[in-house]
Amino acid sequence: MAHMVDAHVGKRIRQRRWLIGMTQQKLADMVGIKFQQIQKYETGANRVSASRLWDIGEAMGVPVAFFFEGIKEGDATFEPVSGDVPPDMLSDKEAMELVRTYYAIPENQRRRLFELARVLSDVA
């Protein structure tokens, strides 16, 4: 059974990779390993070494700390991002697709869409 921290780090690798539209094969090529190893990291079956996590972060444009966000120090429990957002929101494919699609919109239109969403949430 995977340690909960290893599972969390693997989940963050998968979320980031999916969000930026990168395949397991592409990430593996950039890091210099086989894609099966990426699969094992993402499920938490294999623990990611510090240097490999550094390389993965570099390949995906995030600092190493990104992979540990959401873990409460000291007891390795997970905190929700905010009071109304479930802690596993980023594991929801629909939510991830929404985020990826949102960032594909030009910035000026994205800002207007954001304001519309804010107004709609206030009315709900």
PDB file of N, CA and C in Angstrom:
ATOM      1  N   MET A   1       0.850  -1.181   0.000  1.00  0.00           N
ATOM      2  CA  MET A   1       0.000   0.000   0.000  1.00  0.00           C
ATOM      3  C   MET A   1       0.894   1.241   0.000  1.00  0.00           C
ATOM      4  N   ALA A   2       0.529   2.213  -0.810  1.00  0.00           N
ATOM      5  CA  ALA A   2       1.321   3.431  -0.944  1.00  0.00           C
ATOM      6  C   ALA A   2       1.163   4.326   0.287  1.00  0.00           C
ATOM      7  N   HIS A   3       2.247   4.972   0.665  1.00  0.00           N
ATOM      8  CA  HIS A   3       2.198   5.962   1.741  1.00  0.00           C
ATOM      9  C   HIS A   3       1.360   7.132   1.250  1.00  0.00           C
ATOM     10  N   MET A   4       0.575   7.745   2.133  1.00  0.00           N
ATOM     11  CA  MET A   4      -0.335   8.799   1.689  1.00  0.00           C
ATOM     12  C   MET A   4       0.405   9.996   1.077  1.00  0.00           C
ATOM     13  N   VAL A   5       1.620  10.263   1.519  1.00  0.00           N
ATOM     14  CA  VAL A   5       2.381  11.369   0.923  1.00  0.00           C
ATOM     15  C   VAL A   5       2.805  11.005  -0.499  1.00  0.00           C
ATOM     16  N   ASP A   6       3.233   9.759  -0.704  1.00  0.00           N
ATOM     17  CA  ASP A   6       3.607   9.323  -2.053  1.00  0.00           C
ATOM     18  C   ASP A   6       2.403   9.382  -2.991  1.00  0.00           C
ATOM     19  N   ALA A   7       1.241   8.983  -2.492  1.00  0.00           N
ATOM     20  CA  ALA A   7       0.018   9.039  -3.296  1.00  0.00           C
ATOM     21  C   ALA A   7      -0.340  10.489  -3.620  1.00  0.00           C
ATOM     22  N   HIS A   8      -0.166  11.380  -2.655  1.00  0.00           N
ATOM     23  CA  HIS A   8      -0.479  12.797  -2.878  1.00  0.00           C
ATOM     24  C   HIS A   8       0.466  13.406  -3.906  1.00  0.00           C
ATOM     25  N   VAL A   9       1.748  13.135  -3.780  1.00  0.00           N
ATOM     26  CA  VAL A   9       2.732  13.660  -4.745  1.00  0.00           C
ATOM     27  C   VAL A   9       2.414  13.126  -6.138  1.00  0.00           C
ATOM     28  N   GLY A  10       2.107  11.842  -6.241  1.00  0.00           N
ATOM     29  CA  GLY A  10       1.755  11.258  -7.531  1.00  0.00           C
ATOM     30  C   GLY A  10       0.513  11.884  -8.129  1.00  0.00           C
ATOM     31  N   LYS A  11      -0.465  12.159  -7.288  1.00  0.00           N
ATOM     32  CA  LYS A  11      -1.698  12.802  -7.740  1.00  0.00           C
ATOM     33  C   LYS A  11      -1.408  14.207  -8.266  1.00  0.00           C
ATOM     34  N   ARG A  12      -0.524  14.934  -7.572  1.00  0.00           N
ATOM     35  CA  ARG A  12      -0.174  16.284  -8.022  1.00  0.00           C
ATOM     36  C   ARG A  12       0.605  16.240  -9.345  1.00  0.00           C
ATOM     37  N   ILE A  13       1.453  15.224  -9.528  1.00  0.00           N
ATOM     38  CA  ILE A  13       2.159  15.062 -10.804  1.00  0.00           C
ATOM     39  C   ILE A  13       1.136  14.860 -11.912  1.00  0.00           C
ATOM     40  N   ARG A  14       0.193  13.939 -11.697  1.00  0.00           N
ATOM     41  CA  ARG A  14      -0.825  13.649 -12.707  1.00  0.00           C
ATOM     42  C   ARG A  14      -1.680  14.880 -13.006  1.00  0.00           C
ATOM     43  N   GLN A  15      -2.110  15.590 -11.969  1.00  0.00           N
ATOM     44  CA  GLN A  15      -2.950  16.772 -12.161  1.00  0.00           C
ATOM     45  C   GLN A  15      -2.232  17.838 -12.983  1.00  0.00           C
ATOM     46  N   ARG A  16      -0.998  18.114 -12.626  1.00  0.00           N
ATOM     47  CA  ARG A  16      -0.242  19.144 -13.350  1.00  0.00           C
ATOM     48  C   ARG A  16      -0.003  18.727 -14.793  1.00  0.00           C
ATOM     49  N   ARG A  17       0.380  17.461 -14.981  1.00  0.00           N
ATOM     50  CA  ARG A  17       0.647  16.952 -16.323  1.00  0.00           C
ATOM     51  C   ARG A  17      -0.606  17.062 -17.182  1.00  0.00           C
ATOM     52  N   TRP A  18      -1.730  16.661 -16.627  1.00  0.00           N
ATOM     53  CA  TRP A  18      -2.975  16.704 -17.370  1.00  0.00           C
ATOM     54  C   TRP A  18      -3.387  18.147 -17.655  1.00  0.00           C
ATOM     55  N   LEU A  19      -3.221  19.012 -16.665  1.00  0.00           N
ATOM     56  CA  LEU A  19      -3.616  20.407 -16.817  1.00  0.00           C
ATOM     57  C   LEU A  19      -2.859  21.097 -17.952  1.00  0.00           C
ATOM     58  N   ILE A  20      -1.583  20.785 -18.104  1.00  0.00           N
ATOM     59  CA  ILE A  20      -0.800  21.421 -19.165  1.00  0.00           C
ATOM     60  C   ILE A  20      -0.843  20.630 -20.475  1.00  0.00           C
ATOM     61  N   GLY A  21      -1.624  19.549 -20.489  1.00  0.00           N
ATOM     62  CA  GLY A  21      -1.799  18.783 -21.722  1.00  0.00           C
ATOM     63  C   GLY A  21      -0.602  17.954 -22.118  1.00  0.00           C
ATOM     64  N   MET A  22       0.140  17.469 -21.144  1.00  0.00           N
ATOM     65  CA  MET A  22       1.342  16.685 -21.410  1.00  0.00           C
ATOM     66  C   MET A  22       1.032  15.197 -21.219  1.00  0.00           C
ATOM     67  N   THR A  23       1.502  14.366 -22.120  1.00  0.00           N
ATOM     68  CA  THR A  23       1.310  12.927 -21.979  1.00  0.00           C
ATOM     69  C   THR A  23       2.350  12.342 -21.021  1.00  0.00           C
ATOM     70  N   GLN A  24       2.063  11.152 -20.545  1.00  0.00           N
ATOM     71  CA  GLN A  24       3.046  10.463 -19.703  1.00  0.00           C
ATOM     72  C   GLN A  24       4.323  10.216 -20.498  1.00  0.00           C
ATOM     73  N   GLN A  25       4.177   9.885 -21.771  1.00  0.00           N
ATOM     74  CA  GLN A  25       5.346   9.628 -22.610  1.00  0.00           C
ATOM     75  C   GLN A  25       6.206  10.876 -22.759  1.00  0.00           C
ATOM     76  N   LYS A  26       5.576  12.013 -22.986  1.00  0.00           N
ATOM     77  CA  LYS A  26       6.318  13.273 -23.148  1.00  0.00           C
ATOM     78  C   LYS A  26       7.073  13.616 -21.866  1.00  0.00           C
ATOM     79  N   LEU A  27       6.401  13.495 -20.713  1.00  0.00           N
ATOM     80  CA  LEU A  27       7.064  13.777 -19.440  1.00  0.00           C
ATOM     81  C   LEU A  27       8.218  12.806 -19.212  1.00  0.00           C
ATOM     82  N   ALA A  28       7.984  11.541 -19.492  1.00  0.00           N
ATOM     83  CA  ALA A  28       9.041  10.543 -19.324  1.00  0.00           C
ATOM     84  C   ALA A  28      10.247  10.865 -20.204  1.00  0.00           C
ATOM     85  N   ASP A  29      10.001  11.245 -21.447  1.00  0.00           N
ATOM     86  CA  ASP A  29      11.086  11.606 -22.359  1.00  0.00           C
ATOM     87  C   ASP A  29      11.873  12.806 -21.825  1.00  0.00           C
ATOM     88  N   MET A  30      11.159  13.797 -21.304  1.00  0.00           N
ATOM     89  CA  MET A  30      11.818  15.007 -20.797  1.00  0.00           C
ATOM     90  C   MET A  30      12.672  14.717 -19.558  1.00  0.00           C
ATOM     91  N   VAL A  31      12.252  13.719 -18.780  1.00  0.00           N
ATOM     92  CA  VAL A  31      12.951  13.395 -17.539  1.00  0.00           C
ATOM     93  C   VAL A  31      13.993  12.286 -17.755  1.00  0.00           C
ATOM     94  N   GLY A  32      13.865  11.574 -18.865  1.00  0.00           N
ATOM     95  CA  GLY A  32      14.836  10.526 -19.178  1.00  0.00           C
ATOM     96  C   GLY A  32      14.514   9.170 -18.565  1.00  0.00           C
ATOM     97  N   ILE A  33      13.214   8.860 -18.457  1.00  0.00           N
ATOM     98  CA  ILE A  33      12.786   7.564 -17.927  1.00  0.00           C
ATOM     99  C   ILE A  33      11.699   6.997 -18.835  1.00  0.00           C
ATOM    100  N   LYS A  34      11.223   5.802 -18.528  1.00  0.00           N
ATOM    101  CA  LYS A  34      10.148   5.184 -19.294  1.00  0.00           C
ATOM    102  C   LYS A  34       8.798   5.652 -18.768  1.00  0.00           C
ATOM    103  N   PHE A  35       7.793   5.690 -19.643  1.00  0.00           N
ATOM    104  CA  PHE A  35       6.487   6.194 -19.229  1.00  0.00           C
ATOM    105  C   PHE A  35       5.844   5.325 -18.152  1.00  0.00           C
ATOM    106  N   GLN A  36       6.216   4.033 -18.104  1.00  0.00           N
ATOM    107  CA  GLN A  36       5.671   3.159 -17.067  1.00  0.00           C
ATOM    108  C   GLN A  36       6.073   3.646 -15.676  1.00  0.00           C
ATOM    109  N   GLN A  37       7.269   4.245 -15.583  1.00  0.00           N
ATOM    110  CA  GLN A  37       7.719   4.776 -14.297  1.00  0.00           C
ATOM    111  C   GLN A  37       6.861   5.969 -13.888  1.00  0.00           C
ATOM    112  N   ILE A  38       6.484   6.799 -14.855  1.00  0.00           N
ATOM    113  CA  ILE A  38       5.590   7.923 -14.570  1.00  0.00           C
ATOM    114  C   ILE A  38       4.261   7.382 -14.054  1.00  0.00           C
ATOM    115  N   GLN A  39       3.753   6.324 -14.676  1.00  0.00           N
ATOM    116  CA  GLN A  39       2.506   5.703 -14.210  1.00  0.00           C
ATOM    117  C   GLN A  39       2.629   5.273 -12.751  1.00  0.00           C
ATOM    118  N   LYS A  40       3.733   4.671 -12.409  1.00  0.00           N
ATOM    119  CA  LYS A  40       3.938   4.203 -11.034  1.00  0.00           C
ATOM    120  C   LYS A  40       4.052   5.368 -10.062  1.00  0.00           C
ATOM    121  N   TYR A  41       4.706   6.447 -10.474  1.00  0.00           N
ATOM    122  CA  TYR A  41       4.770   7.638  -9.626  1.00  0.00           C
ATOM    123  C   TYR A  41       3.368   8.207  -9.398  1.00  0.00           C
ATOM    124  N   GLU A  42       2.592   8.300 -10.469  1.00  0.00           N
ATOM    125  CA  GLU A  42       1.277   8.921 -10.384  1.00  0.00           C
ATOM    126  C   GLU A  42       0.305   8.138  -9.505  1.00  0.00           C
ATOM    127  N   THR A  43       0.460   6.846  -9.423  1.00  0.00           N
ATOM    128  CA  THR A  43      -0.410   6.047  -8.559  1.00  0.00           C
ATOM    129  C   THR A  43       0.125   5.960  -7.133  1.00  0.00           C
ATOM    130  N   GLY A  44       1.359   6.387  -6.933  1.00  0.00           N
ATOM    131  CA  GLY A  44       1.979   6.283  -5.615  1.00  0.00           C
ATOM    132  C   GLY A  44       2.598   4.923  -5.374  1.00  0.00           C
ATOM    133  N   ALA A  45       2.581   4.056  -6.397  1.00  0.00           N
ATOM    134  CA  ALA A  45       3.163   2.722  -6.254  1.00  0.00           C
ATOM    135  C   ALA A  45       4.666   2.805  -6.049  1.00  0.00           C
ATOM    136  N   ASN A  46       5.315   3.762  -6.710  1.00  0.00           N
ATOM    137  CA  ASN A  46       6.745   3.993  -6.540  1.00  0.00           C
ATOM    138  C   ASN A  46       6.962   5.378  -5.953  1.00  0.00           C
ATOM    139  N   ARG A  47       7.884   5.471  -5.037  1.00  0.00           N
ATOM    140  CA  ARG A  47       8.235   6.745  -4.413  1.00  0.00           C
ATOM    141  C   ARG A  47       9.163   7.516  -5.346  1.00  0.00           C
ATOM    142  N   VAL A  48       8.948   8.813  -5.458  1.00  0.00           N
ATOM    143  CA  VAL A  48       9.758   9.667  -6.323  1.00  0.00           C
ATOM    144  C   VAL A  48      10.937  10.207  -5.516  1.00  0.00           C
ATOM    145  N   SER A  49      12.149  10.028  -6.022  1.00  0.00           N
ATOM    146  CA  SER A  49      13.318  10.564  -5.330  1.00  0.00           C
ATOM    147  C   SER A  49      13.329  12.087  -5.442  1.00  0.00           C
ATOM    148  N   ALA A  50      14.090  12.719  -4.573  1.00  0.00           N
ATOM    149  CA  ALA A  50      14.165  14.181  -4.563  1.00  0.00           C
ATOM    150  C   ALA A  50      14.684  14.717  -5.894  1.00  0.00           C
ATOM    151  N   SER A  51      15.729  14.110  -6.420  1.00  0.00           N
ATOM    152  CA  SER A  51      16.288  14.608  -7.682  1.00  0.00           C
ATOM    153  C   SER A  51      15.334  14.382  -8.850  1.00  0.00           C
ATOM    154  N   ARG A  52      14.617  13.275  -8.847  1.00  0.00           N
ATOM    155  CA  ARG A  52      13.657  13.013  -9.919  1.00  0.00           C
ATOM    156  C   ARG A  52      12.477  13.973  -9.807  1.00  0.00           C
ATOM    157  N   LEU A  53      12.040  14.258  -8.579  1.00  0.00           N
ATOM    158  CA  LEU A  53      10.949  15.212  -8.383  1.00  0.00           C
ATOM    159  C   LEU A  53      11.374  16.600  -8.870  1.00  0.00           C
ATOM    160  N   TRP A  54      12.624  16.936  -8.640  1.00  0.00           N
ATOM    161  CA  TRP A  54      13.172  18.204  -9.139  1.00  0.00           C
ATOM    162  C   TRP A  54      13.072  18.248 -10.667  1.00  0.00           C
ATOM    163  N   ASP A  55      13.506  17.148 -11.313  1.00  0.00           N
ATOM    164  CA  ASP A  55      13.466  17.080 -12.777  1.00  0.00           C
ATOM    165  C   ASP A  55      12.031  17.167 -13.306  1.00  0.00           C
ATOM    166  N   ILE A  56      11.105  16.505 -12.633  1.00  0.00           N
ATOM    167  CA  ILE A  56       9.703  16.531 -13.044  1.00  0.00           C
ATOM    168  C   ILE A  56       9.150  17.945 -12.905  1.00  0.00           C
ATOM    169  N   GLY A  57       9.481  18.599 -11.804  1.00  0.00           N
ATOM    170  CA  GLY A  57       9.051  19.977 -11.610  1.00  0.00           C
ATOM    171  C   GLY A  57       9.589  20.891 -12.689  1.00  0.00           C
ATOM    172  N   GLU A  58      10.855  20.735 -13.023  1.00  0.00           N
ATOM    173  CA  GLU A  58      11.467  21.538 -14.085  1.00  0.00           C
ATOM    174  C   GLU A  58      10.757  21.299 -15.422  1.00  0.00           C
ATOM    175  N   ALA A  59      10.463  20.035 -15.710  1.00  0.00           N
ATOM    176  CA  ALA A  59       9.821  19.692 -16.982  1.00  0.00           C
ATOM    177  C   ALA A  59       8.415  20.266 -17.072  1.00  0.00           C
ATOM    178  N   MET A  60       7.752  20.411 -15.924  1.00  0.00           N
ATOM    179  CA  MET A  60       6.366  20.890 -15.938  1.00  0.00           C
ATOM    180  C   MET A  60       6.233  22.341 -15.483  1.00  0.00           C
ATOM    181  N   GLY A  61       7.354  22.990 -15.221  1.00  0.00           N
ATOM    182  CA  GLY A  61       7.330  24.414 -14.897  1.00  0.00           C
ATOM    183  C   GLY A  61       6.790  24.765 -13.527  1.00  0.00           C
ATOM    184  N   VAL A  62       7.019  23.894 -12.549  1.00  0.00           N
ATOM    185  CA  VAL A  62       6.579  24.180 -11.178  1.00  0.00           C
ATOM    186  C   VAL A  62       7.714  23.869 -10.205  1.00  0.00           C
ATOM    187  N   PRO A  63       7.739  24.548  -9.046  1.00  0.00           N
ATOM    188  CA  PRO A  63       8.751  24.223  -8.038  1.00  0.00           C
ATOM    189  C   PRO A  63       8.406  22.907  -7.333  1.00  0.00           C
ATOM    190  N   VAL A  64       9.361  22.307  -6.709  1.00  0.00           N
ATOM    191  CA  VAL A  64       9.149  21.049  -5.992  1.00  0.00           C
ATOM    192  C   VAL A  64       8.039  21.178  -4.946  1.00  0.00           C
ATOM    193  N   ALA A  65       7.951  22.336  -4.315  1.00  0.00           N
ATOM    194  CA  ALA A  65       6.930  22.554  -3.278  1.00  0.00           C
ATOM    195  C   ALA A  65       5.517  22.359  -3.808  1.00  0.00           C
ATOM    196  N   PHE A  66       5.316  22.575  -5.096  1.00  0.00           N
ATOM    197  CA  PHE A  66       3.996  22.402  -5.702  1.00  0.00           C
ATOM    198  C   PHE A  66       3.438  21.019  -5.401  1.00  0.00           C
ATOM    199  N   PHE A  67       4.279  20.002  -5.448  1.00  0.00           N
ATOM    200  CA  PHE A  67       3.831  18.624  -5.291  1.00  0.00           C
ATOM    201  C   PHE A  67       3.384  18.301  -3.868  1.00  0.00           C
ATOM    202  N   PHE A  68       3.748  19.156  -2.921  1.00  0.00           N
ATOM    203  CA  PHE A  68       3.389  18.927  -1.521  1.00  0.00           C
ATOM    204  C   PHE A  68       2.268  19.840  -1.045  1.00  0.00           C
ATOM    205  N   GLU A  69       1.788  20.733  -1.912  1.00  0.00           N
ATOM    206  CA  GLU A  69       0.706  21.631  -1.520  1.00  0.00           C
ATOM    207  C   GLU A  69      -0.524  20.817  -1.155  1.00  0.00           C
ATOM    208  N   GLY A  70      -1.174  21.225  -0.068  1.00  0.00           N
ATOM    209  CA  GLY A  70      -2.369  20.529   0.389  1.00  0.00           C
ATOM    210  C   GLY A  70      -2.101  19.524   1.484  1.00  0.00           C
ATOM    211  N   ILE A  71      -0.835  19.322   1.835  1.00  0.00           N
ATOM    212  CA  ILE A  71      -0.498  18.436   2.949  1.00  0.00           C
ATOM    213  C   ILE A  71      -0.217  19.305   4.163  1.00  0.00           C
ATOM    214  N   LYS A  72      -0.883  19.022   5.256  1.00  0.00           N
ATOM    215  CA  LYS A  72      -0.667  19.780   6.488  1.00  0.00           C
ATOM    216  C   LYS A  72       0.606  19.257   7.150  1.00  0.00           C
ATOM    217  N   GLU A  73       1.504  20.184   7.499  1.00  0.00           N
ATOM    218  CA  GLU A  73       2.770  19.780   8.116  1.00  0.00           C
ATOM    219  C   GLU A  73       2.535  19.059   9.435  1.00  0.00           C
ATOM    220  N   GLY A  74       3.334  18.049   9.683  1.00  0.00           N
ATOM    221  CA  GLY A  74       3.308  17.357  10.957  1.00  0.00           C
ATOM    222  C   GLY A  74       2.488  16.087  10.977  1.00  0.00           C
ATOM    223  N   ASP A  75       1.338  16.087  10.304  1.00  0.00           N
ATOM    224  CA  ASP A  75       0.518  14.884  10.406  1.00  0.00           C
ATOM    225  C   ASP A  75       0.100  14.307   9.056  1.00  0.00           C
ATOM    226  N   ALA A  76       0.571  14.876   7.973  1.00  0.00           N
ATOM    227  CA  ALA A  76       0.324  14.358   6.621  1.00  0.00           C
ATOM    228  C   ALA A  76      -1.156  14.167   6.322  1.00  0.00           C
ATOM    229  N   THR A  77      -1.994  15.060   6.838  1.00  0.00           N
ATOM    230  CA  THR A  77      -3.395  15.038   6.451  1.00  0.00           C
ATOM    231  C   THR A  77      -3.603  16.084   5.371  1.00  0.00           C
ATOM    232  N   PHE A  78      -4.702  15.995   4.699  1.00  0.00           N
ATOM    233  CA  PHE A  78      -4.938  16.875   3.579  1.00  0.00           C
ATOM    234  C   PHE A  78      -5.947  17.943   3.941  1.00  0.00           C
ATOM    235  N   GLU A  79      -5.663  19.169   3.539  1.00  0.00           N
ATOM    236  CA  GLU A  79      -6.542  20.299   3.804  1.00  0.00           C
ATOM    237  C   GLU A  79      -7.293  20.664   2.532  1.00  0.00           C
ATOM    238  N   PRO A  80      -8.557  21.047   2.655  1.00  0.00           N
ATOM    239  CA  PRO A  80      -9.262  21.546   1.489  1.00  0.00           C
ATOM    240  C   PRO A  80      -8.636  22.858   1.022  1.00  0.00           C
ATOM    241  N   VAL A  81      -8.755  23.164  -0.258  1.00  0.00           N
ATOM    242  CA  VAL A  81      -8.216  24.403  -0.808  1.00  0.00           C
ATOM    243  C   VAL A  81      -8.939  25.595  -0.199  1.00  0.00           C
ATOM    244  N   SER A  82     -10.256  25.518  -0.041  1.00  0.00           N
ATOM    245  CA  SER A  82     -11.030  26.550   0.641  1.00  0.00           C
ATOM    246  C   SER A  82     -12.223  25.867   1.284  1.00  0.00           C
ATOM    247  N   GLY A  83     -12.995  26.613   2.042  1.00  0.00           N
ATOM    248  CA  GLY A  83     -14.103  26.025   2.766  1.00  0.00           C
ATOM    249  C   GLY A  83     -15.142  25.347   1.892  1.00  0.00           C
ATOM    250  N   ASP A  84     -15.407  25.870   0.691  1.00  0.00           N
ATOM    251  CA  ASP A  84     -16.455  25.324  -0.157  1.00  0.00           C
ATOM    252  C   ASP A  84     -15.948  24.353  -1.213  1.00  0.00           C
ATOM    253  N   VAL A  85     -14.655  24.222  -1.356  1.00  0.00           N
ATOM    254  CA  VAL A  85     -14.085  23.384  -2.408  1.00  0.00           C
ATOM    255  C   VAL A  85     -13.645  22.056  -1.807  1.00  0.00           C
ATOM    256  N   PRO A  86     -14.139  20.936  -2.342  1.00  0.00           N
ATOM    257  CA  PRO A  86     -13.709  19.636  -1.813  1.00  0.00           C
ATOM    258  C   PRO A  86     -12.230  19.406  -2.078  1.00  0.00           C
ATOM    259  N   PRO A  87     -11.529  18.713  -1.170  1.00  0.00           N
ATOM    260  CA  PRO A  87     -10.083  18.524  -1.334  1.00  0.00           C
ATOM    261  C   PRO A  87      -9.711  17.724  -2.570  1.00  0.00           C
ATOM    262  N   ASP A  88     -10.633  16.920  -3.104  1.00  0.00           N
ATOM    263  CA  ASP A  88     -10.323  16.117  -4.280  1.00  0.00           C
ATOM    264  C   ASP A  88     -10.843  16.735  -5.574  1.00  0.00           C
ATOM    265  N   MET A  89     -11.159  18.044  -5.544  1.00  0.00           N
ATOM    266  CA  MET A  89     -11.708  18.718  -6.712  1.00  0.00           C
ATOM    267  C   MET A  89     -10.821  18.539  -7.940  1.00  0.00           C
ATOM    268  N   LEU A  90      -9.521  18.604  -7.762  1.00  0.00           N
ATOM    269  CA  LEU A  90      -8.628  18.504  -8.907  1.00  0.00           C
ATOM    270  C   LEU A  90      -8.518  17.085  -9.456  1.00  0.00           C
ATOM    271  N   SER A  91      -9.090  16.108  -8.765  1.00  0.00           N
ATOM    272  CA  SER A  91      -9.102  14.761  -9.323  1.00  0.00           C
ATOM    273  C   SER A  91     -10.332  14.551 -10.201  1.00  0.00           C
ATOM    274  N   ASP A  92     -11.256  15.512 -10.203  1.00  0.00           N
ATOM    275  CA  ASP A  92     -12.450  15.467 -11.034  1.00  0.00           C
ATOM    276  C   ASP A  92     -12.071  15.890 -12.454  1.00  0.00           C
ATOM    277  N   LYS A  93     -12.197  14.980 -13.403  1.00  0.00           N
ATOM    278  CA  LYS A  93     -11.780  15.274 -14.789  1.00  0.00           C
ATOM    279  C   LYS A  93     -12.541  16.454 -15.373  1.00  0.00           C
ATOM    280  N   GLU A  94     -13.811  16.578 -15.041  1.00  0.00           N
ATOM    281  CA  GLU A  94     -14.598  17.696 -15.558  1.00  0.00           C
ATOM    282  C   GLU A  94     -14.050  19.026 -15.041  1.00  0.00           C
ATOM    283  N   ALA A  95     -13.701  19.070 -13.757  1.00  0.00           N
ATOM    284  CA  ALA A  95     -13.137  20.301 -13.190  1.00  0.00           C
ATOM    285  C   ALA A  95     -11.790  20.621 -13.829  1.00  0.00           C
ATOM    286  N   MET A  96     -10.979  19.607 -14.033  1.00  0.00           N
ATOM    287  CA  MET A  96      -9.680  19.826 -14.658  1.00  0.00           C
ATOM    288  C   MET A  96      -9.844  20.299 -16.102  1.00  0.00           C
ATOM    289  N   GLU A  97     -10.801  19.724 -16.816  1.00  0.00           N
ATOM    290  CA  GLU A  97     -11.034  20.152 -18.194  1.00  0.00           C
ATOM    291  C   GLU A  97     -11.531  21.596 -18.224  1.00  0.00           C
ATOM    292  N   LEU A  98     -12.365  21.960 -17.268  1.00  0.00           N
ATOM    293  CA  LEU A  98     -12.851  23.332 -17.180  1.00  0.00           C
ATOM    294  C   LEU A  98     -11.693  24.303 -16.961  1.00  0.00           C
ATOM    295  N   VAL A  99     -10.781  23.952 -16.069  1.00  0.00           N
ATOM    296  CA  VAL A  99      -9.630  24.820 -15.797  1.00  0.00           C
ATOM    297  C   VAL A  99      -8.744  24.938 -17.035  1.00  0.00           C
ATOM    298  N   ARG A 100      -8.474  23.832 -17.675  1.00  0.00           N
ATOM    299  CA  ARG A 100      -7.618  23.860 -18.864  1.00  0.00           C
ATOM    300  C   ARG A 100      -8.270  24.683 -19.984  1.00  0.00           C
ATOM    301  N   THR A 101      -9.567  24.514 -20.153  1.00  0.00           N
ATOM    302  CA  THR A 101     -10.293  25.266 -21.168  1.00  0.00           C
ATOM    303  C   THR A 101     -10.310  26.747 -20.827  1.00  0.00           C
ATOM    304  N   TYR A 102     -10.488  27.062 -19.567  1.00  0.00           N
ATOM    305  CA  TYR A 102     -10.506  28.456 -19.104  1.00  0.00           C
ATOM    306  C   TYR A 102      -9.199  29.153 -19.486  1.00  0.00           C
ATOM    307  N   TYR A 103      -8.077  28.497 -19.253  1.00  0.00           N
ATOM    308  CA  TYR A 103      -6.786  29.121 -19.553  1.00  0.00           C
ATOM    309  C   TYR A 103      -6.475  29.152 -21.047  1.00  0.00           C
ATOM    310  N   ALA A 104      -7.266  28.456 -21.852  1.00  0.00           N
ATOM    311  CA  ALA A 104      -7.082  28.521 -23.304  1.00  0.00           C
ATOM    312  C   ALA A 104      -7.772  29.746 -23.901  1.00  0.00           C
ATOM    313  N   ILE A 105      -8.626  30.388 -23.108  1.00  0.00           N
ATOM    314  CA  ILE A 105      -9.346  31.582 -23.560  1.00  0.00           C
ATOM    315  C   ILE A 105      -8.396  32.783 -23.465  1.00  0.00           C
ATOM    316  N   PRO A 106      -8.433  33.693 -24.436  1.00  0.00           N
ATOM    317  CA  PRO A 106      -7.589  34.900 -24.352  1.00  0.00           C
ATOM    318  C   PRO A 106      -7.844  35.663 -23.052  1.00  0.00           C
ATOM    319  N   GLU A 107      -6.802  36.275 -22.520  1.00  0.00           N
ATOM    320  CA  GLU A 107      -6.853  36.866 -21.178  1.00  0.00           C
ATOM    321  C   GLU A 107      -7.976  37.874 -20.978  1.00  0.00           C
ATOM    322  N   ASN A 108      -8.208  38.755 -21.938  1.00  0.00           N
ATOM    323  CA  ASN A 108      -9.260  39.762 -21.744  1.00  0.00           C
ATOM    324  C   ASN A 108     -10.644  39.111 -21.670  1.00  0.00           C
ATOM    325  N   GLN A 109     -10.884  38.097 -22.491  1.00  0.00           N
ATOM    326  CA  GLN A 109     -12.156  37.380 -22.442  1.00  0.00           C
ATOM    327  C   GLN A 109     -12.251  36.523 -21.176  1.00  0.00           C
ATOM    328  N   ARG A 110     -11.116  35.980 -20.769  1.00  0.00           N
ATOM    329  CA  ARG A 110     -11.079  35.159 -19.551  1.00  0.00           C
ATOM    330  C   ARG A 110     -11.484  35.989 -18.340  1.00  0.00           C
ATOM    331  N   ARG A 111     -10.997  37.220 -18.260  1.00  0.00           N
ATOM    332  CA  ARG A 111     -11.334  38.108 -17.146  1.00  0.00           C
ATOM    333  C   ARG A 111     -12.836  38.359 -17.105  1.00  0.00           C
ATOM    334  N   ARG A 112     -13.438  38.599 -18.295  1.00  0.00           N
ATOM    335  CA  ARG A 112     -14.884  38.838 -18.363  1.00  0.00           C
ATOM    336  C   ARG A 112     -15.669  37.591 -17.964  1.00  0.00           C
ATOM    337  N   LEU A 113     -15.195  36.422 -18.391  1.00  0.00           N
ATOM    338  CA  LEU A 113     -15.849  35.168 -18.003  1.00  0.00           C
ATOM    339  C   LEU A 113     -15.766  34.957 -16.494  1.00  0.00           C
ATOM    340  N   PHE A 114     -14.622  35.293 -15.924  1.00  0.00           N
ATOM    341  CA  PHE A 114     -14.435  35.169 -14.479  1.00  0.00           C
ATOM    342  C   PHE A 114     -15.431  36.055 -13.729  1.00  0.00           C
ATOM    343  N   GLU A 115     -15.577  37.287 -14.178  1.00  0.00           N
ATOM    344  CA  GLU A 115     -16.526  38.207 -13.537  1.00  0.00           C
ATOM    345  C   GLU A 115     -17.955  37.699 -13.662  1.00  0.00           C
ATOM    346  N   LEU A 116     -18.308  37.132 -14.826  1.00  0.00           N
ATOM    347  CA  LEU A 116     -19.632  36.551 -15.012  1.00  0.00           C
ATOM    348  C   LEU A 116     -19.850  35.390 -14.030  1.00  0.00           C
ATOM    349  N   ALA A 117     -18.855  34.525 -13.899  1.00  0.00           N
ATOM    350  CA  ALA A 117     -18.968  33.408 -12.967  1.00  0.00           C
ATOM    351  C   ALA A 117     -19.128  33.889 -11.533  1.00  0.00           C
ATOM    352  N   ARG A 118     -18.421  34.931 -11.180  1.00  0.00           N
ATOM    353  CA  ARG A 118     -18.522  35.497  -9.832  1.00  0.00           C
ATOM    354  C   ARG A 118     -19.941  36.020  -9.574  1.00  0.00           C
ATOM    355  N   VAL A 119     -20.513  36.735 -10.555  1.00  0.00           N
ATOM    356  CA  VAL A 119     -21.874  37.263 -10.417  1.00  0.00           C
ATOM    357  C   VAL A 119     -22.874  36.115 -10.288  1.00  0.00           C
ATOM    358  N   LEU A 120     -22.709  35.095 -11.136  1.00  0.00           N
ATOM    359  CA  LEU A 120     -23.627  33.951 -11.084  1.00  0.00           C
ATOM    360  C   LEU A 120     -23.544  33.209  -9.754  1.00  0.00           C
ATOM    361  N   SER A 121     -22.358  33.099  -9.179  1.00  0.00           N
ATOM    362  CA  SER A 121     -22.220  32.400  -7.886  1.00  0.00           C
ATOM    363  C   SER A 121     -22.836  33.226  -6.757  1.00  0.00           C
ATOM    364  N   ASP A 122     -22.802  34.549  -6.867  1.00  0.00           N
ATOM    365  CA  ASP A 122     -23.425  35.412  -5.861  1.00  0.00           C
ATOM    366  C   ASP A 122     -24.939  35.306  -5.892  1.00  0.00           C
ATOM    367  N   VAL A 123     -25.499  35.087  -7.101  1.00  0.00           N
ATOM    368  CA  VAL A 123     -26.942  34.990  -7.263  1.00  0.00           C
ATOM    369  C   VAL A 123     -27.452  33.630  -6.781  1.00  0.00           C
ATOM    370  N   ALA A 124     -26.643  32.591  -6.934  1.00  0.00           N
ATOM    371  CA  ALA A 124     -27.061  31.220  -6.595  1.00  0.00           C
ATOM    372  C   ALA A 124     -27.318  31.002  -5.120  1.00  0.00           C
TER     373      ALA A 124
END
